[in-house]
Amino acid sequence: MTERQPLILKGAFENKNTSSDSANNNKGRLDRLSYNIRRSPSNLTSHIEKIRLIFDMGDSERLYAAVLDLFLVLKNKGRNLRYRMLEQVKYKLTDEQYRSLASLLESKNADFEKLPPTHFSMLGAGLDGSTTLIKITGTSDKKVRNPLIEARDCIEYSQIEEARCILEKAILKNPESEELHLELLEIYRSARDVENFKNIMNTISFIPKTTVKMWKQTAAFFFKH
């Protein structure tokens, strides 16, 4: 008797006609999902959607990283989900990538540090989730339009570039805002946008003390690769 799959996976890897999707749309969706995962690592729906998107794109390195992030979140839980996911994507992974992920299914005390490194991972080694995840706070009491809210609205519609531009302009006008710094740095890291990170780093006039560590971590993240 065939074991039923969870509803969340139903149809996730069926062949579909994606010819109408442009490369820019895929990049926008990928950036949005990466951003969402970094803000809310336990959101399994974002993980599954990201794996599905990269599977269709055929990028084995990013696919390995996306599955690894799912495994990192689940740890020793959800073995059936991890097994099914790995089996459905394995023929688009390299042999080494597949063996590395499969080894995690056999161990109750998996050592993630021994896995092949990948800089595409949102949650893997080198990314300190306790310090890089965004802290969501209340909305501003100001009657003028809040750039932070504008940027988050853009992100919800996969408009990552627009969100970045809004935050960069806002930071140049109000460099003391900690939230603006954290949100913009999150976009740079999620989108792997080293060029704009370097530009704003050389332009900005002030960095709040509470965000200095985040700026240093982001610089280390980019320049160590």
N, C-alpha and C. Protein backbone atom coordinates (compact mmCIF):
# COMPACT_ATOMS: atom_id res chain seq x y z
N MET A 1 0.85 -1.20 0.00
CA MET A 1 0.00 0.00 0.00
C MET A 1 0.89 1.25 0.00
N THR A 2 0.63 2.17 -0.90
CA THR A 2 1.45 3.37 -1.02
C THR A 2 1.12 4.35 0.10
N GLU A 3 2.18 4.83 0.74
CA GLU A 3 1.99 5.75 1.84
C GLU A 3 1.59 7.11 1.29
N ARG A 4 0.61 7.73 1.89
CA ARG A 4 0.14 9.03 1.41
C ARG A 4 1.12 10.12 1.80
N GLN A 5 1.27 11.11 0.93
CA GLN A 5 2.16 12.22 1.21
C GLN A 5 1.38 13.34 1.89
N PRO A 6 2.11 14.14 2.69
CA PRO A 6 1.46 15.30 3.31
C PRO A 6 0.92 16.23 2.23
N LEU A 7 -0.17 16.91 2.55
CA LEU A 7 -0.80 17.80 1.59
C LEU A 7 0.15 18.86 1.09
N ILE A 8 1.07 19.31 1.96
CA ILE A 8 1.97 20.39 1.58
C ILE A 8 2.87 20.01 0.41
N LEU A 9 3.10 18.72 0.23
CA LEU A 9 3.97 18.26 -0.85
C LEU A 9 3.20 17.87 -2.09
N LYS A 10 1.90 17.81 -2.00
CA LYS A 10 1.11 17.32 -3.11
C LYS A 10 1.31 18.20 -4.34
N GLY A 11 1.77 17.57 -5.42
CA GLY A 11 1.96 18.28 -6.68
C GLY A 11 3.19 19.17 -6.71
N ALA A 12 4.00 19.11 -5.65
CA ALA A 12 5.12 20.04 -5.59
C ALA A 12 6.15 19.82 -6.67
N PHE A 13 6.29 18.58 -7.14
CA PHE A 13 7.32 18.30 -8.12
C PHE A 13 6.76 17.73 -9.41
N GLU A 14 5.51 18.03 -9.69
CA GLU A 14 4.94 17.63 -10.95
C GLU A 14 5.49 18.51 -12.05
N ASN A 15 5.64 17.98 -13.26
CA ASN A 15 6.09 18.77 -14.38
C ASN A 15 5.00 19.75 -14.78
N LYS A 16 5.34 21.02 -14.80
CA LYS A 16 4.37 22.03 -15.15
C LYS A 16 4.97 22.95 -16.20
N ASN A 17 4.12 23.59 -16.99
CA ASN A 17 4.58 24.51 -18.01
C ASN A 17 4.90 25.84 -17.37
N THR A 18 6.19 26.14 -17.26
CA THR A 18 6.62 27.39 -16.63
C THR A 18 7.25 28.33 -17.64
N SER A 19 6.96 28.10 -18.92
CA SER A 19 7.57 28.92 -19.96
C SER A 19 7.19 30.38 -19.84
N SER A 20 6.06 30.67 -19.21
CA SER A 20 5.62 32.05 -19.08
C SER A 20 6.34 32.79 -17.96
N ASP A 21 7.02 32.03 -17.09
CA ASP A 21 7.75 32.66 -15.98
C ASP A 21 9.10 33.14 -16.48
N SER A 22 9.38 34.41 -16.29
CA SER A 22 10.67 34.97 -16.72
C SER A 22 11.72 34.71 -15.65
N ALA A 23 12.99 34.85 -16.06
CA ALA A 23 14.09 34.68 -15.10
C ALA A 23 13.99 35.71 -13.99
N ASN A 24 13.55 36.92 -14.32
CA ASN A 24 13.42 37.96 -13.30
C ASN A 24 12.36 37.62 -12.27
N ASN A 25 11.26 37.03 -12.73
CA ASN A 25 10.20 36.63 -11.80
C ASN A 25 10.71 35.55 -10.85
N ASN A 26 11.46 34.59 -11.40
CA ASN A 26 12.02 33.53 -10.56
C ASN A 26 12.97 34.10 -9.52
N LYS A 27 13.82 35.05 -9.95
CA LYS A 27 14.76 35.65 -9.01
C LYS A 27 14.01 36.41 -7.93
N GLY A 28 12.95 37.13 -8.33
CA GLY A 28 12.17 37.87 -7.34
C GLY A 28 11.52 36.94 -6.33
N ARG A 29 10.96 35.84 -6.80
CA ARG A 29 10.34 34.87 -5.90
C ARG A 29 11.38 34.25 -4.98
N LEU A 30 12.55 33.93 -5.55
CA LEU A 30 13.60 33.30 -4.76
C LEU A 30 14.11 34.24 -3.68
N ASP A 31 14.29 35.51 -4.02
CA ASP A 31 14.73 36.49 -3.03
C ASP A 31 13.69 36.64 -1.92
N ARG A 32 12.41 36.68 -2.31
CA ARG A 32 11.36 36.83 -1.30
C ARG A 32 11.32 35.64 -0.36
N LEU A 33 11.42 34.43 -0.91
CA LEU A 33 11.38 33.23 -0.08
C LEU A 33 12.59 33.15 0.83
N SER A 34 13.76 33.51 0.31
CA SER A 34 14.97 33.51 1.14
C SER A 34 14.83 34.50 2.28
N TYR A 35 14.29 35.65 1.97
CA TYR A 35 14.06 36.67 2.99
C TYR A 35 13.08 36.17 4.05
N ASN A 36 11.99 35.55 3.60
CA ASN A 36 10.99 35.04 4.55
C ASN A 36 11.57 33.96 5.45
N ILE A 37 12.43 33.11 4.90
CA ILE A 37 13.03 32.03 5.68
C ILE A 37 13.97 32.58 6.73
N ARG A 38 14.72 33.61 6.37
CA ARG A 38 15.62 34.19 7.36
C ARG A 38 14.85 34.90 8.47
N ARG A 39 13.70 35.46 8.13
CA ARG A 39 12.89 36.12 9.16
C ARG A 39 12.11 35.11 9.99
N SER A 40 11.70 34.00 9.37
CA SER A 40 10.89 33.01 10.07
C SER A 40 11.36 31.61 9.66
N PRO A 41 12.47 31.14 10.23
CA PRO A 41 13.07 29.87 9.81
C PRO A 41 12.15 28.66 9.96
N SER A 42 11.21 28.70 10.87
CA SER A 42 10.35 27.54 11.12
C SER A 42 9.15 27.47 10.17
N ASN A 43 9.03 28.40 9.24
CA ASN A 43 7.91 28.41 8.29
C ASN A 43 8.17 27.36 7.21
N LEU A 44 7.63 26.16 7.39
CA LEU A 44 7.89 25.06 6.47
C LEU A 44 7.34 25.33 5.07
N THR A 45 6.26 26.08 4.98
CA THR A 45 5.68 26.38 3.68
C THR A 45 6.67 27.14 2.80
N SER A 46 7.38 28.10 3.39
CA SER A 46 8.39 28.86 2.63
C SER A 46 9.52 27.95 2.19
N HIS A 47 9.93 27.03 3.05
CA HIS A 47 10.99 26.09 2.69
C HIS A 47 10.57 25.22 1.51
N ILE A 48 9.37 24.66 1.59
CA ILE A 48 8.89 23.78 0.53
C ILE A 48 8.74 24.54 -0.79
N GLU A 49 8.20 25.74 -0.72
CA GLU A 49 8.02 26.54 -1.94
C GLU A 49 9.36 26.89 -2.56
N LYS A 50 10.34 27.20 -1.73
CA LYS A 50 11.67 27.53 -2.25
C LYS A 50 12.32 26.31 -2.90
N ILE A 51 12.21 25.16 -2.27
CA ILE A 51 12.78 23.94 -2.84
C ILE A 51 12.13 23.63 -4.17
N ARG A 52 10.82 23.79 -4.24
CA ARG A 52 10.09 23.55 -5.48
C ARG A 52 10.57 24.48 -6.59
N LEU A 53 10.73 25.75 -6.27
CA LEU A 53 11.17 26.73 -7.27
C LEU A 53 12.56 26.40 -7.78
N ILE A 54 13.49 26.11 -6.88
CA ILE A 54 14.86 25.82 -7.29
C ILE A 54 14.93 24.50 -8.04
N PHE A 55 14.11 23.54 -7.64
CA PHE A 55 14.03 22.27 -8.37
C PHE A 55 13.68 22.52 -9.83
N ASP A 56 12.69 23.38 -10.06
CA ASP A 56 12.30 23.71 -11.43
C ASP A 56 13.39 24.47 -12.17
N MET A 57 14.18 25.26 -11.44
CA MET A 57 15.27 26.02 -12.05
C MET A 57 16.44 25.13 -12.42
N GLY A 58 16.58 23.98 -11.72
CA GLY A 58 17.63 23.03 -12.04
C GLY A 58 19.01 23.40 -11.51
N ASP A 59 19.07 24.18 -10.43
CA ASP A 59 20.34 24.60 -9.84
C ASP A 59 20.68 23.67 -8.68
N SER A 60 21.60 22.74 -8.87
CA SER A 60 21.87 21.72 -7.86
C SER A 60 22.48 22.30 -6.59
N GLU A 61 23.33 23.31 -6.70
CA GLU A 61 23.96 23.88 -5.52
C GLU A 61 22.94 24.60 -4.63
N ARG A 62 22.07 25.37 -5.27
CA ARG A 62 21.03 26.06 -4.50
C ARG A 62 20.01 25.05 -3.96
N LEU A 63 19.75 24.01 -4.73
CA LEU A 63 18.80 22.99 -4.29
C LEU A 63 19.34 22.28 -3.05
N TYR A 64 20.60 21.92 -3.08
CA TYR A 64 21.24 21.29 -1.91
C TYR A 64 21.12 22.20 -0.69
N ALA A 65 21.39 23.49 -0.88
CA ALA A 65 21.33 24.44 0.24
C ALA A 65 19.91 24.59 0.78
N ALA A 66 18.93 24.60 -0.12
CA ALA A 66 17.53 24.76 0.31
C ALA A 66 17.06 23.54 1.11
N VAL A 67 17.43 22.35 0.66
CA VAL A 67 17.07 21.13 1.40
C VAL A 67 17.82 21.09 2.73
N LEU A 68 19.08 21.50 2.72
CA LEU A 68 19.86 21.55 3.94
C LEU A 68 19.21 22.48 4.97
N ASP A 69 18.72 23.62 4.53
CA ASP A 69 18.05 24.55 5.44
C ASP A 69 16.81 23.92 6.06
N LEU A 70 16.07 23.16 5.26
CA LEU A 70 14.89 22.46 5.78
C LEU A 70 15.31 21.45 6.84
N PHE A 71 16.39 20.71 6.58
CA PHE A 71 16.89 19.72 7.53
C PHE A 71 17.37 20.41 8.81
N LEU A 72 18.02 21.56 8.67
CA LEU A 72 18.51 22.30 9.83
C LEU A 72 17.37 22.73 10.74
N VAL A 73 16.27 23.13 10.13
CA VAL A 73 15.11 23.57 10.91
C VAL A 73 14.44 22.39 11.61
N LEU A 74 14.28 21.29 10.88
CA LEU A 74 13.59 20.13 11.44
C LEU A 74 14.46 19.35 12.43
N LYS A 75 15.79 19.42 12.24
CA LYS A 75 16.74 18.67 13.06
C LYS A 75 16.38 17.18 13.04
N ASN A 76 16.07 16.60 14.20
CA ASN A 76 15.74 15.18 14.23
C ASN A 76 14.24 14.91 14.11
N LYS A 77 13.47 15.94 13.88
CA LYS A 77 12.03 15.78 13.75
C LYS A 77 11.64 15.64 12.27
N GLY A 78 10.41 15.21 12.04
CA GLY A 78 9.88 15.16 10.68
C GLY A 78 10.67 14.28 9.74
N ARG A 79 11.07 13.10 10.19
CA ARG A 79 11.91 12.24 9.35
C ARG A 79 11.20 11.85 8.06
N ASN A 80 9.91 11.56 8.13
CA ASN A 80 9.18 11.18 6.92
C ASN A 80 9.16 12.31 5.90
N LEU A 81 8.99 13.53 6.37
CA LEU A 81 9.00 14.68 5.47
C LEU A 81 10.38 14.85 4.85
N ARG A 82 11.42 14.74 5.66
CA ARG A 82 12.78 14.89 5.15
C ARG A 82 13.11 13.79 4.13
N TYR A 83 12.67 12.57 4.44
CA TYR A 83 12.94 11.46 3.53
C TYR A 83 12.25 11.65 2.19
N ARG A 84 10.97 11.99 2.22
CA ARG A 84 10.23 12.18 0.97
C ARG A 84 10.81 13.33 0.15
N MET A 85 11.16 14.40 0.84
CA MET A 85 11.72 15.55 0.13
C MET A 85 13.02 15.16 -0.58
N LEU A 86 13.88 14.48 0.13
CA LEU A 86 15.17 14.09 -0.45
C LEU A 86 14.99 13.14 -1.62
N GLU A 87 14.07 12.20 -1.50
CA GLU A 87 13.83 11.24 -2.58
C GLU A 87 13.29 11.94 -3.83
N GLN A 88 12.50 12.98 -3.66
CA GLN A 88 11.90 13.65 -4.80
C GLN A 88 12.87 14.59 -5.53
N VAL A 89 13.91 15.01 -4.85
CA VAL A 89 14.86 15.93 -5.50
C VAL A 89 16.20 15.29 -5.83
N LYS A 90 16.41 14.04 -5.44
CA LYS A 90 17.75 13.46 -5.47
C LYS A 90 18.38 13.42 -6.86
N TYR A 91 17.58 13.26 -7.91
CA TYR A 91 18.20 13.13 -9.23
C TYR A 91 18.65 14.46 -9.80
N LYS A 92 18.40 15.56 -9.06
CA LYS A 92 18.95 16.85 -9.47
C LYS A 92 20.07 17.30 -8.54
N LEU A 93 20.47 16.42 -7.62
CA LEU A 93 21.60 16.67 -6.74
C LEU A 93 22.82 15.89 -7.24
N THR A 94 24.00 16.32 -6.87
CA THR A 94 25.18 15.53 -7.16
C THR A 94 25.22 14.34 -6.19
N ASP A 95 26.04 13.35 -6.49
CA ASP A 95 26.15 12.18 -5.61
C ASP A 95 26.60 12.60 -4.21
N GLU A 96 27.57 13.51 -4.14
CA GLU A 96 28.07 13.94 -2.84
C GLU A 96 26.99 14.67 -2.05
N GLN A 97 26.25 15.53 -2.72
CA GLN A 97 25.18 16.26 -2.04
C GLN A 97 24.12 15.30 -1.51
N TYR A 98 23.75 14.33 -2.32
CA TYR A 98 22.72 13.37 -1.90
C TYR A 98 23.21 12.55 -0.71
N ARG A 99 24.44 12.04 -0.79
CA ARG A 99 24.98 11.21 0.31
C ARG A 99 25.06 12.01 1.61
N SER A 100 25.45 13.27 1.50
CA SER A 100 25.58 14.10 2.70
C SER A 100 24.23 14.29 3.38
N LEU A 101 23.20 14.58 2.60
CA LEU A 101 21.87 14.78 3.17
C LEU A 101 21.28 13.46 3.65
N ALA A 102 21.52 12.38 2.91
CA ALA A 102 20.99 11.07 3.31
C ALA A 102 21.60 10.62 4.63
N SER A 103 22.86 11.00 4.88
CA SER A 103 23.50 10.60 6.13
C SER A 103 22.80 11.20 7.34
N LEU A 104 22.14 12.34 7.15
CA LEU A 104 21.44 12.98 8.26
C LEU A 104 20.19 12.20 8.66
N LEU A 105 19.66 11.43 7.73
CA LEU A 105 18.46 10.64 8.04
C LEU A 105 18.79 9.43 8.90
N GLU A 106 20.03 9.00 8.86
CA GLU A 106 20.42 7.78 9.56
C GLU A 106 20.94 8.03 10.96
N SER A 107 21.17 9.30 11.29
CA SER A 107 21.76 9.62 12.59
C SER A 107 20.79 10.42 13.44
N LYS A 108 20.68 10.04 14.70
CA LYS A 108 19.83 10.77 15.63
C LYS A 108 20.53 12.01 16.17
N ASN A 109 21.84 12.02 16.08
CA ASN A 109 22.63 13.16 16.53
C ASN A 109 23.48 13.65 15.36
N ALA A 110 22.82 14.17 14.37
CA ALA A 110 23.49 14.59 13.14
C ALA A 110 24.47 15.73 13.41
N ASP A 111 25.64 15.63 12.79
CA ASP A 111 26.67 16.65 12.92
C ASP A 111 26.66 17.50 11.65
N PHE A 112 25.93 18.60 11.69
CA PHE A 112 25.79 19.44 10.50
C PHE A 112 27.10 20.12 10.12
N GLU A 113 28.01 20.24 11.09
CA GLU A 113 29.28 20.91 10.81
C GLU A 113 30.13 20.13 9.81
N LYS A 114 29.90 18.82 9.69
CA LYS A 114 30.71 17.99 8.81
C LYS A 114 30.19 17.94 7.38
N LEU A 115 29.07 18.61 7.13
CA LEU A 115 28.50 18.61 5.78
C LEU A 115 29.30 19.52 4.86
N PRO A 116 29.29 19.25 3.55
CA PRO A 116 29.96 20.14 2.61
C PRO A 116 29.38 21.55 2.74
N PRO A 117 30.23 22.58 2.85
CA PRO A 117 29.73 23.95 3.03
C PRO A 117 29.08 24.48 1.75
N THR A 118 28.14 25.37 1.91
CA THR A 118 27.51 26.05 0.78
C THR A 118 27.10 27.44 1.21
N HIS A 119 27.54 28.46 0.47
CA HIS A 119 27.21 29.82 0.88
C HIS A 119 25.79 30.20 0.49
N PHE A 120 25.05 29.29 -0.18
CA PHE A 120 23.66 29.56 -0.51
C PHE A 120 22.72 29.25 0.65
N SER A 121 23.23 28.59 1.68
CA SER A 121 22.38 28.26 2.82
C SER A 121 22.02 29.51 3.61
N MET A 122 20.73 29.63 3.96
CA MET A 122 20.27 30.74 4.79
C MET A 122 20.57 30.52 6.26
N LEU A 123 20.67 29.26 6.68
CA LEU A 123 20.71 28.93 8.10
C LEU A 123 21.94 28.13 8.49
N GLY A 124 22.82 27.84 7.54
CA GLY A 124 23.97 26.99 7.80
C GLY A 124 25.09 27.69 8.52
N ALA A 125 26.24 27.01 8.58
CA ALA A 125 27.40 27.53 9.28
C ALA A 125 27.79 28.90 8.73
N GLY A 126 28.12 29.80 9.66
CA GLY A 126 28.51 31.14 9.25
C GLY A 126 27.39 32.15 9.36
N LEU A 127 26.16 31.66 9.53
CA LEU A 127 25.02 32.55 9.71
C LEU A 127 24.48 32.37 11.12
N ASP A 128 24.61 33.37 11.95
CA ASP A 128 24.16 33.29 13.33
C ASP A 128 22.70 33.73 13.41
N GLY A 129 21.80 32.74 13.41
CA GLY A 129 20.38 33.05 13.40
C GLY A 129 19.92 33.89 14.57
N SER A 130 20.63 33.77 15.71
CA SER A 130 20.18 34.50 16.88
C SER A 130 20.41 36.00 16.74
N THR A 131 21.31 36.38 15.82
CA THR A 131 21.60 37.80 15.68
C THR A 131 21.18 38.37 14.34
N THR A 132 20.84 37.53 13.37
CA THR A 132 20.54 38.05 12.04
C THR A 132 19.06 38.04 11.71
N LEU A 133 18.25 37.43 12.52
CA LEU A 133 16.83 37.41 12.21
C LEU A 133 16.18 38.73 12.64
N ILE A 134 15.28 39.20 11.79
CA ILE A 134 14.64 40.49 12.04
C ILE A 134 13.69 40.40 13.23
N LYS A 135 13.72 41.40 14.07
CA LYS A 135 12.75 41.52 15.15
C LYS A 135 11.62 42.42 14.67
N ILE A 136 10.42 41.86 14.57
CA ILE A 136 9.28 42.62 14.09
C ILE A 136 8.74 43.48 15.22
N THR A 137 8.58 44.77 14.95
CA THR A 137 8.05 45.67 15.98
C THR A 137 6.79 46.33 15.46
N GLY A 138 6.18 47.12 16.31
CA GLY A 138 4.94 47.79 15.94
C GLY A 138 5.15 48.82 14.85
N THR A 139 4.06 49.25 14.23
CA THR A 139 4.14 50.25 13.17
C THR A 139 4.35 51.62 13.77
N SER A 140 4.82 52.52 12.94
CA SER A 140 5.10 53.88 13.39
C SER A 140 3.81 54.65 13.65
N ASP A 141 3.90 55.58 14.63
CA ASP A 141 2.75 56.41 14.93
C ASP A 141 2.67 57.63 13.99
N LYS A 142 3.72 57.81 13.18
CA LYS A 142 3.74 58.96 12.30
C LYS A 142 2.66 58.83 11.23
N LYS A 143 2.11 59.98 10.86
CA LYS A 143 1.08 59.98 9.83
C LYS A 143 1.68 59.89 8.44
N VAL A 144 2.97 60.30 8.29
CA VAL A 144 3.62 60.18 6.99
C VAL A 144 3.87 58.71 6.70
N ARG A 145 4.05 58.40 5.42
CA ARG A 145 4.23 57.01 5.03
C ARG A 145 5.53 56.46 5.59
N ASN A 146 5.47 55.34 6.24
CA ASN A 146 6.63 54.73 6.89
C ASN A 146 7.41 53.90 5.86
N PRO A 147 8.69 54.25 5.60
CA PRO A 147 9.46 53.51 4.59
C PRO A 147 9.65 52.04 4.94
N LEU A 148 9.68 51.73 6.23
CA LEU A 148 9.83 50.34 6.64
C LEU A 148 8.61 49.53 6.22
N ILE A 149 7.43 50.09 6.41
CA ILE A 149 6.20 49.41 6.01
C ILE A 149 6.13 49.31 4.49
N GLU A 150 6.51 50.39 3.81
CA GLU A 150 6.54 50.36 2.34
C GLU A 150 7.43 49.25 1.83
N ALA A 151 8.62 49.15 2.42
CA ALA A 151 9.58 48.13 1.98
C ALA A 151 9.05 46.73 2.22
N ARG A 152 8.43 46.52 3.37
CA ARG A 152 7.88 45.19 3.67
C ARG A 152 6.72 44.85 2.74
N ASP A 153 5.94 45.86 2.37
CA ASP A 153 4.87 45.62 1.40
C ASP A 153 5.45 45.19 0.05
N CYS A 154 6.54 45.84 -0.37
CA CYS A 154 7.19 45.47 -1.63
C CYS A 154 7.70 44.03 -1.57
N ILE A 155 8.28 43.66 -0.45
CA ILE A 155 8.82 42.31 -0.30
C ILE A 155 7.72 41.26 -0.41
N GLU A 156 6.56 41.56 0.14
CA GLU A 156 5.45 40.62 0.07
C GLU A 156 5.04 40.34 -1.37
N TYR A 157 5.31 41.28 -2.27
CA TYR A 157 4.96 41.11 -3.69
C TYR A 157 6.21 40.83 -4.54
N SER A 158 7.27 40.34 -3.87
CA SER A 158 8.52 39.95 -4.54
C SER A 158 9.23 41.12 -5.20
N GLN A 159 8.96 42.33 -4.77
CA GLN A 159 9.61 43.51 -5.34
C GLN A 159 10.82 43.88 -4.47
N ILE A 160 11.83 43.00 -4.52
CA ILE A 160 13.00 43.15 -3.65
C ILE A 160 13.80 44.39 -4.00
N GLU A 161 13.99 44.65 -5.29
CA GLU A 161 14.76 45.83 -5.71
C GLU A 161 14.10 47.12 -5.24
N GLU A 162 12.78 47.18 -5.36
CA GLU A 162 12.06 48.37 -4.92
C GLU A 162 12.20 48.56 -3.41
N ALA A 163 12.12 47.45 -2.67
CA ALA A 163 12.28 47.52 -1.21
C ALA A 163 13.67 48.02 -0.84
N ARG A 164 14.67 47.51 -1.55
CA ARG A 164 16.05 47.95 -1.28
C ARG A 164 16.21 49.45 -1.51
N CYS A 165 15.69 49.94 -2.62
CA CYS A 165 15.81 51.37 -2.94
C CYS A 165 15.12 52.24 -1.90
N ILE A 166 13.94 51.81 -1.46
CA ILE A 166 13.20 52.56 -0.44
C ILE A 166 14.01 52.65 0.85
N LEU A 167 14.59 51.53 1.26
CA LEU A 167 15.34 51.50 2.52
C LEU A 167 16.65 52.28 2.41
N GLU A 168 17.31 52.19 1.27
CA GLU A 168 18.57 52.93 1.10
C GLU A 168 18.32 54.44 1.17
N LYS A 169 17.28 54.91 0.48
CA LYS A 169 16.95 56.33 0.53
C LYS A 169 16.57 56.75 1.95
N ALA A 170 15.82 55.90 2.64
CA ALA A 170 15.38 56.22 4.00
C ALA A 170 16.56 56.29 4.96
N ILE A 171 17.52 55.40 4.80
CA ILE A 171 18.68 55.37 5.69
C ILE A 171 19.56 56.61 5.49
N LEU A 172 19.69 57.04 4.24
CA LEU A 172 20.48 58.24 3.98
C LEU A 172 19.85 59.48 4.61
N LYS A 173 18.52 59.49 4.71
CA LYS A 173 17.81 60.59 5.35
C LYS A 173 17.76 60.43 6.87
N ASN A 174 17.70 59.18 7.33
CA ASN A 174 17.55 58.92 8.76
C ASN A 174 18.48 57.78 9.18
N PRO A 175 19.78 58.04 9.20
CA PRO A 175 20.75 56.98 9.49
C PRO A 175 20.71 56.45 10.92
N GLU A 176 19.98 57.15 11.80
CA GLU A 176 19.92 56.69 13.20
C GLU A 176 18.91 55.56 13.42
N SER A 177 18.09 55.26 12.42
CA SER A 177 17.04 54.24 12.60
C SER A 177 17.62 52.83 12.56
N GLU A 178 17.58 52.16 13.69
CA GLU A 178 18.11 50.79 13.79
C GLU A 178 17.32 49.83 12.91
N GLU A 179 16.01 49.97 12.89
CA GLU A 179 15.17 49.04 12.13
C GLU A 179 15.47 49.11 10.63
N LEU A 180 15.71 50.31 10.12
CA LEU A 180 16.02 50.46 8.71
C LEU A 180 17.31 49.73 8.37
N HIS A 181 18.29 49.85 9.23
CA HIS A 181 19.58 49.17 9.01
C HIS A 181 19.39 47.65 8.97
N LEU A 182 18.70 47.13 9.96
CA LEU A 182 18.52 45.68 10.06
C LEU A 182 17.75 45.14 8.86
N GLU A 183 16.71 45.85 8.45
CA GLU A 183 15.90 45.39 7.32
C GLU A 183 16.70 45.40 6.02
N LEU A 184 17.46 46.47 5.80
CA LEU A 184 18.25 46.58 4.58
C LEU A 184 19.36 45.52 4.54
N LEU A 185 20.04 45.31 5.65
CA LEU A 185 21.09 44.30 5.69
C LEU A 185 20.52 42.90 5.44
N GLU A 186 19.31 42.68 5.92
CA GLU A 186 18.66 41.39 5.69
C GLU A 186 18.43 41.17 4.19
N ILE A 187 18.03 42.22 3.49
CA ILE A 187 17.82 42.12 2.04
C ILE A 187 19.14 41.85 1.33
N TYR A 188 20.19 42.57 1.71
CA TYR A 188 21.49 42.35 1.07
C TYR A 188 21.93 40.90 1.20
N ARG A 189 21.79 40.34 2.39
CA ARG A 189 22.24 38.96 2.61
C ARG A 189 21.34 37.95 1.91
N SER A 190 20.06 38.16 1.97
CA SER A 190 19.14 37.22 1.34
C SER A 190 19.29 37.22 -0.18
N ALA A 191 19.56 38.40 -0.76
CA ALA A 191 19.70 38.51 -2.22
C ALA A 191 21.14 38.38 -2.68
N ARG A 192 22.07 38.18 -1.74
CA ARG A 192 23.50 38.09 -2.06
C ARG A 192 23.95 39.33 -2.85
N ASP A 193 23.49 40.49 -2.41
CA ASP A 193 23.70 41.75 -3.14
C ASP A 193 24.93 42.47 -2.59
N VAL A 194 26.11 42.00 -2.96
CA VAL A 194 27.34 42.56 -2.42
C VAL A 194 27.63 43.95 -2.98
N GLU A 195 27.28 44.21 -4.25
CA GLU A 195 27.59 45.49 -4.87
C GLU A 195 26.87 46.64 -4.18
N ASN A 196 25.57 46.50 -3.98
CA ASN A 196 24.83 47.56 -3.31
C ASN A 196 25.20 47.67 -1.83
N PHE A 197 25.58 46.55 -1.23
CA PHE A 197 26.05 46.60 0.15
C PHE A 197 27.31 47.46 0.24
N LYS A 198 28.25 47.26 -0.67
CA LYS A 198 29.49 48.05 -0.65
C LYS A 198 29.20 49.52 -0.91
N ASN A 199 28.27 49.79 -1.84
CA ASN A 199 27.94 51.17 -2.16
C ASN A 199 27.37 51.92 -0.95
N ILE A 200 26.41 51.30 -0.27
CA ILE A 200 25.79 51.99 0.87
C ILE A 200 26.76 52.08 2.03
N MET A 201 27.62 51.08 2.18
CA MET A 201 28.60 51.09 3.27
C MET A 201 29.58 52.25 3.11
N ASN A 202 29.88 52.61 1.86
CA ASN A 202 30.81 53.70 1.59
C ASN A 202 30.12 55.06 1.58
N THR A 203 28.78 55.06 1.60
CA THR A 203 28.02 56.30 1.48
C THR A 203 27.41 56.75 2.80
N ILE A 204 26.99 55.79 3.60
CA ILE A 204 26.24 56.10 4.81
C ILE A 204 27.07 56.91 5.80
N SER A 205 26.44 57.84 6.48
CA SER A 205 27.16 58.76 7.36
C SER A 205 27.21 58.31 8.81
N PHE A 206 26.31 57.39 9.19
CA PHE A 206 26.23 57.01 10.60
C PHE A 206 25.68 55.60 10.73
N ILE A 207 26.28 54.82 11.62
CA ILE A 207 25.79 53.46 11.90
C ILE A 207 25.50 53.36 13.40
N PRO A 208 24.25 53.08 13.77
CA PRO A 208 23.93 52.95 15.20
C PRO A 208 24.77 51.87 15.87
N LYS A 209 25.16 52.10 17.11
CA LYS A 209 26.00 51.14 17.82
C LYS A 209 25.36 49.75 17.88
N THR A 210 24.03 49.71 17.97
CA THR A 210 23.34 48.43 18.10
C THR A 210 23.36 47.62 16.81
N THR A 211 23.75 48.24 15.69
CA THR A 211 23.77 47.52 14.42
C THR A 211 25.19 47.26 13.91
N VAL A 212 26.20 47.75 14.64
CA VAL A 212 27.59 47.58 14.19
C VAL A 212 27.94 46.11 14.00
N LYS A 213 27.51 45.27 14.96
CA LYS A 213 27.81 43.84 14.87
C LYS A 213 27.18 43.23 13.62
N MET A 214 25.95 43.63 13.30
CA MET A 214 25.27 43.12 12.11
C MET A 214 25.99 43.55 10.84
N TRP A 215 26.46 44.80 10.80
CA TRP A 215 27.21 45.27 9.64
C TRP A 215 28.50 44.47 9.47
N LYS A 216 29.19 44.22 10.57
CA LYS A 216 30.44 43.44 10.50
C LYS A 216 30.16 42.01 10.05
N GLN A 217 29.09 41.41 10.57
CA GLN A 217 28.75 40.04 10.17
C GLN A 217 28.40 39.97 8.69
N THR A 218 27.68 40.98 8.20
CA THR A 218 27.31 41.00 6.78
C THR A 218 28.55 41.17 5.92
N ALA A 219 29.47 42.02 6.32
CA ALA A 219 30.72 42.21 5.58
C ALA A 219 31.52 40.90 5.55
N ALA A 220 31.59 40.23 6.69
CA ALA A 220 32.31 38.96 6.75
C ALA A 220 31.64 37.91 5.88
N PHE A 221 30.32 37.92 5.87
CA PHE A 221 29.55 36.97 5.06
C PHE A 221 29.89 37.12 3.59
N PHE A 222 29.95 38.35 3.10
CA PHE A 222 30.22 38.58 1.69
C PHE A 222 31.68 38.32 1.34
N PHE A 223 32.58 38.88 2.10
CA PHE A 223 33.97 38.92 1.68
C PHE A 223 34.75 37.66 2.01
N LYS A 224 34.17 36.76 2.81
CA LYS A 224 34.86 35.48 3.04
C LYS A 224 34.66 34.53 1.89
N HIS A 225 33.65 34.80 1.00
CA HIS A 225 33.39 33.95 -0.17
C HIS A 225 34.14 34.51 -1.37
